[in-house]
Amino acid sequence: MTWSVKGKSPFIARVMCALSFMNMDKYVGGMFEKGLLRLKNMVEKK
C-alpha cells in the first residue's frame, strides 16, 4: 500500500514546513485519520 497526500501549497507554506515551524500532525492529522477510517471501512466490508 502507498500513502500519499496531494495538493497545492504556496511557497511560504513549503518554506515553513521545511523549517519545521509548522506542526505537521495538526496540518495533516485530520486527513490522515479520515483516510485510515475509510481504509478500515473498506477492508472490513470484504
PDB file of N, CA and C in Angstrom:
ATOM      1  N   MET A   1       0.836  -1.163   0.000  1.00  0.00           N
ATOM      2  CA  MET A   1       0.000   0.000   0.000  1.00  0.00           C
ATOM      3  C   MET A   1       0.887   1.232   0.000  1.00  0.00           C
ATOM      4  N   THR A   2       0.467   2.229  -0.703  1.00  0.00           N
ATOM      5  CA  THR A   2       1.181   3.503  -0.743  1.00  0.00           C
ATOM      6  C   THR A   2       0.257   4.592  -0.221  1.00  0.00           C
ATOM      7  N   TRP A   3       0.774   5.420   0.666  1.00  0.00           N
ATOM      8  CA  TRP A   3       0.005   6.531   1.229  1.00  0.00           C
ATOM      9  C   TRP A   3       0.605   7.813   0.684  1.00  0.00           C
ATOM     10  N   SER A   4      -0.260   8.682   0.162  1.00  0.00           N
ATOM     11  CA  SER A   4       0.240   9.959  -0.338  1.00  0.00           C
ATOM     12  C   SER A   4      -0.777  11.055  -0.081  1.00  0.00           C
ATOM     13  N   VAL A   5      -0.278  12.265  -0.079  1.00  0.00           N
ATOM     14  CA  VAL A   5      -1.120  13.442   0.069  1.00  0.00           C
ATOM     15  C   VAL A   5      -0.766  14.360  -1.084  1.00  0.00           C
ATOM     16  N   LYS A   6      -1.791  14.829  -1.774  1.00  0.00           N
ATOM     17  CA  LYS A   6      -1.575  15.725  -2.904  1.00  0.00           C
ATOM     18  C   LYS A   6      -2.316  17.029  -2.652  1.00  0.00           C
ATOM     19  N   GLY A   7      -1.801  18.081  -3.200  1.00  0.00           N
ATOM     20  CA  GLY A   7      -2.464  19.370  -3.087  1.00  0.00           C
ATOM     21  C   GLY A   7      -1.507  20.501  -3.392  1.00  0.00           C
ATOM     22  N   LYS A   8      -2.080  21.636  -3.647  1.00  0.00           N
ATOM     23  CA  LYS A   8      -1.265  22.815  -3.926  1.00  0.00           C
ATOM     24  C   LYS A   8      -0.810  23.425  -2.611  1.00  0.00           C
ATOM     25  N   SER A   9       0.393  23.920  -2.622  1.00  0.00           N
ATOM     26  CA  SER A   9       0.949  24.540  -1.429  1.00  0.00           C
ATOM     27  C   SER A   9       1.685  25.810  -1.852  1.00  0.00           C
ATOM     28  N   PRO A  10       1.307  26.944  -1.287  1.00  0.00           N
ATOM     29  CA  PRO A  10       2.017  28.177  -1.631  1.00  0.00           C
ATOM     30  C   PRO A  10       3.472  28.117  -1.155  1.00  0.00           C
ATOM     31  N   PHE A  11       4.285  28.897  -1.772  1.00  0.00           N
ATOM     32  CA  PHE A  11       5.717  28.889  -1.483  1.00  0.00           C
ATOM     33  C   PHE A  11       6.005  29.061   0.005  1.00  0.00           C
ATOM     34  N   ILE A  12       5.341  29.999   0.657  1.00  0.00           N
ATOM     35  CA  ILE A  12       5.630  30.265   2.067  1.00  0.00           C
ATOM     36  C   ILE A  12       5.284  29.052   2.927  1.00  0.00           C
ATOM     37  N   ALA A  13       4.236  28.317   2.572  1.00  0.00           N
ATOM     38  CA  ALA A  13       3.881  27.106   3.326  1.00  0.00           C
ATOM     39  C   ALA A  13       4.964  26.044   3.181  1.00  0.00           C
ATOM     40  N   ARG A  14       5.526  25.909   1.992  1.00  0.00           N
ATOM     41  CA  ARG A  14       6.604  24.934   1.790  1.00  0.00           C
ATOM     42  C   ARG A  14       7.830  25.326   2.600  1.00  0.00           C
ATOM     43  N   VAL A  15       8.125  26.610   2.644  1.00  0.00           N
ATOM     44  CA  VAL A  15       9.277  27.083   3.421  1.00  0.00           C
ATOM     45  C   VAL A  15       9.054  26.799   4.906  1.00  0.00           C
ATOM     46  N   MET A  16       7.867  27.090   5.399  1.00  0.00           N
ATOM     47  CA  MET A  16       7.573  26.868   6.810  1.00  0.00           C
ATOM     48  C   MET A  16       7.677  25.385   7.162  1.00  0.00           C
ATOM     49  N   CYS A  17       7.188  24.527   6.284  1.00  0.00           N
ATOM     50  CA  CYS A  17       7.281  23.080   6.536  1.00  0.00           C
ATOM     51  C   CYS A  17       8.735  22.638   6.537  1.00  0.00           C
ATOM     52  N   ALA A  18       9.500  23.151   5.610  1.00  0.00           N
ATOM     53  CA  ALA A  18      10.906  22.769   5.509  1.00  0.00           C
ATOM     54  C   ALA A  18      11.687  23.204   6.745  1.00  0.00           C
ATOM     55  N   LEU A  19      11.300  24.290   7.332  1.00  0.00           N
ATOM     56  CA  LEU A  19      11.999  24.809   8.506  1.00  0.00           C
ATOM     57  C   LEU A  19      11.391  24.310   9.817  1.00  0.00           C
ATOM     58  N   SER A  20      10.435  23.434   9.730  1.00  0.00           N
ATOM     59  CA  SER A  20       9.779  22.815  10.901  1.00  0.00           C
ATOM     60  C   SER A  20       9.087  23.825  11.810  1.00  0.00           C
ATOM     61  N   PHE A  21       8.596  24.904  11.255  1.00  0.00           N
ATOM     62  CA  PHE A  21       7.841  25.862  12.056  1.00  0.00           C
ATOM     63  C   PHE A  21       6.390  25.421  12.215  1.00  0.00           C
ATOM     64  N   MET A  22       5.972  24.497  11.381  1.00  0.00           N
ATOM     65  CA  MET A  22       4.583  24.073  11.385  1.00  0.00           C
ATOM     66  C   MET A  22       4.466  22.680  11.991  1.00  0.00           C
ATOM     67  N   ASN A  23       3.510  22.485  12.830  1.00  0.00           N
ATOM     68  CA  ASN A  23       3.262  21.172  13.410  1.00  0.00           C
ATOM     69  C   ASN A  23       2.523  20.327  12.368  1.00  0.00           C
ATOM     70  N   MET A  24       3.229  19.389  11.757  1.00  0.00           N
ATOM     71  CA  MET A  24       2.657  18.618  10.661  1.00  0.00           C
ATOM     72  C   MET A  24       1.496  17.737  11.121  1.00  0.00           C
ATOM     73  N   ASP A  25       1.497  17.300  12.362  1.00  0.00           N
ATOM     74  CA  ASP A  25       0.384  16.495  12.845  1.00  0.00           C
ATOM     75  C   ASP A  25      -0.910  17.295  12.816  1.00  0.00           C
ATOM     76  N   LYS A  26      -0.852  18.547  13.222  1.00  0.00           N
ATOM     77  CA  LYS A  26      -2.040  19.399  13.165  1.00  0.00           C
ATOM     78  C   LYS A  26      -2.432  19.680  11.719  1.00  0.00           C
ATOM     79  N   TYR A  27      -1.449  19.812  10.850  1.00  0.00           N
ATOM     80  CA  TYR A  27      -1.693  20.178   9.459  1.00  0.00           C
ATOM     81  C   TYR A  27      -2.358  19.048   8.688  1.00  0.00           C
ATOM     82  N   VAL A  28      -1.879  17.815   8.846  1.00  0.00           N
ATOM     83  CA  VAL A  28      -2.402  16.694   8.061  1.00  0.00           C
ATOM     84  C   VAL A  28      -3.043  15.609   8.911  1.00  0.00           C
ATOM     85  N   GLY A  29      -3.018  15.752  10.220  1.00  0.00           N
ATOM     86  CA  GLY A  29      -3.541  14.722  11.107  1.00  0.00           C
ATOM     87  C   GLY A  29      -4.987  14.361  10.832  1.00  0.00           C
ATOM     88  N   GLY A  30      -5.829  15.352  10.611  1.00  0.00           N
ATOM     89  CA  GLY A  30      -7.242  15.102  10.330  1.00  0.00           C
ATOM     90  C   GLY A  30      -7.435  14.325   9.047  1.00  0.00           C
ATOM     91  N   MET A  31      -6.695  14.699   8.003  1.00  0.00           N
ATOM     92  CA  MET A  31      -6.787  13.981   6.727  1.00  0.00           C
ATOM     93  C   MET A  31      -6.291  12.548   6.887  1.00  0.00           C
ATOM     94  N   PHE A  32      -5.233  12.364   7.654  1.00  0.00           N
ATOM     95  CA  PHE A  32      -4.667  11.042   7.887  1.00  0.00           C
ATOM     96  C   PHE A  32      -5.680  10.150   8.606  1.00  0.00           C
ATOM     97  N   GLU A  33      -6.300  10.666   9.663  1.00  0.00           N
ATOM     98  CA  GLU A  33      -7.302   9.907  10.409  1.00  0.00           C
ATOM     99  C   GLU A  33      -8.498   9.555   9.527  1.00  0.00           C
ATOM    100  N   LYS A  34      -8.946  10.497   8.725  1.00  0.00           N
ATOM    101  CA  LYS A  34     -10.079  10.250   7.826  1.00  0.00           C
ATOM    102  C   LYS A  34      -9.731   9.151   6.823  1.00  0.00           C
ATOM    103  N   GLY A  35      -8.533   9.209   6.273  1.00  0.00           N
ATOM    104  CA  GLY A  35      -8.091   8.192   5.316  1.00  0.00           C
ATOM    105  C   GLY A  35      -7.980   6.822   5.949  1.00  0.00           C
ATOM    106  N   LEU A  36      -7.458   6.752   7.174  1.00  0.00           N
ATOM    107  CA  LEU A  36      -7.361   5.470   7.869  1.00  0.00           C
ATOM    108  C   LEU A  36      -8.741   4.889   8.158  1.00  0.00           C
ATOM    109  N   LEU A  37      -9.688   5.727   8.526  1.00  0.00           N
ATOM    110  CA  LEU A  37     -11.044   5.259   8.784  1.00  0.00           C
ATOM    111  C   LEU A  37     -11.680   4.725   7.501  1.00  0.00           C
ATOM    112  N   ARG A  38     -11.477   5.426   6.386  1.00  0.00           N
ATOM    113  CA  ARG A  38     -12.009   4.951   5.109  1.00  0.00           C
ATOM    114  C   ARG A  38     -11.388   3.620   4.711  1.00  0.00           C
ATOM    115  N   LEU A  39     -10.087   3.486   4.921  1.00  0.00           N
ATOM    116  CA  LEU A  39      -9.384   2.233   4.623  1.00  0.00           C
ATOM    117  C   LEU A  39      -9.928   1.111   5.498  1.00  0.00           C
ATOM    118  N   LYS A  40     -10.104   1.374   6.778  1.00  0.00           N
ATOM    119  CA  LYS A  40     -10.633   0.373   7.710  1.00  0.00           C
ATOM    120  C   LYS A  40     -12.022  -0.088   7.257  1.00  0.00           C
ATOM    121  N   ASN A  41     -12.865   0.849   6.887  1.00  0.00           N
ATOM    122  CA  ASN A  41     -14.211   0.509   6.436  1.00  0.00           C
ATOM    123  C   ASN A  41     -14.182  -0.338   5.166  1.00  0.00           C
ATOM    124  N   MET A  42     -13.306  -0.025   4.240  1.00  0.00           N
ATOM    125  CA  MET A  42     -13.203  -0.801   3.006  1.00  0.00           C
ATOM    126  C   MET A  42     -12.731  -2.217   3.306  1.00  0.00           C
ATOM    127  N   VAL A  43     -11.738  -2.363   4.165  1.00  0.00           N
ATOM    128  CA  VAL A  43     -11.194  -3.680   4.495  1.00  0.00           C
ATOM    129  C   VAL A  43     -12.240  -4.524   5.221  1.00  0.00           C
ATOM    130  N   GLU A  44     -12.954  -3.913   6.145  1.00  0.00           N
ATOM    131  CA  GLU A  44     -13.930  -4.663   6.927  1.00  0.00           C
ATOM    132  C   GLU A  44     -15.151  -5.085   6.112  1.00  0.00           C
ATOM    133  N   LYS A  45     -15.449  -4.406   5.013  1.00  0.00           N
ATOM    134  CA  LYS A  45     -16.576  -4.780   4.153  1.00  0.00           C
ATOM    135  C   LYS A  45     -16.301  -6.088   3.439  1.00  0.00           C
ATOM    136  N   LYS A  46     -15.030  -6.401   3.183  1.00  0.00           N
ATOM    137  CA  LYS A  46     -14.681  -7.598   2.435  1.00  0.00           C
ATOM    138  C   LYS A  46     -14.513  -8.705   3.354  1.00  0.00           C
TER     139      LYS A  46
END
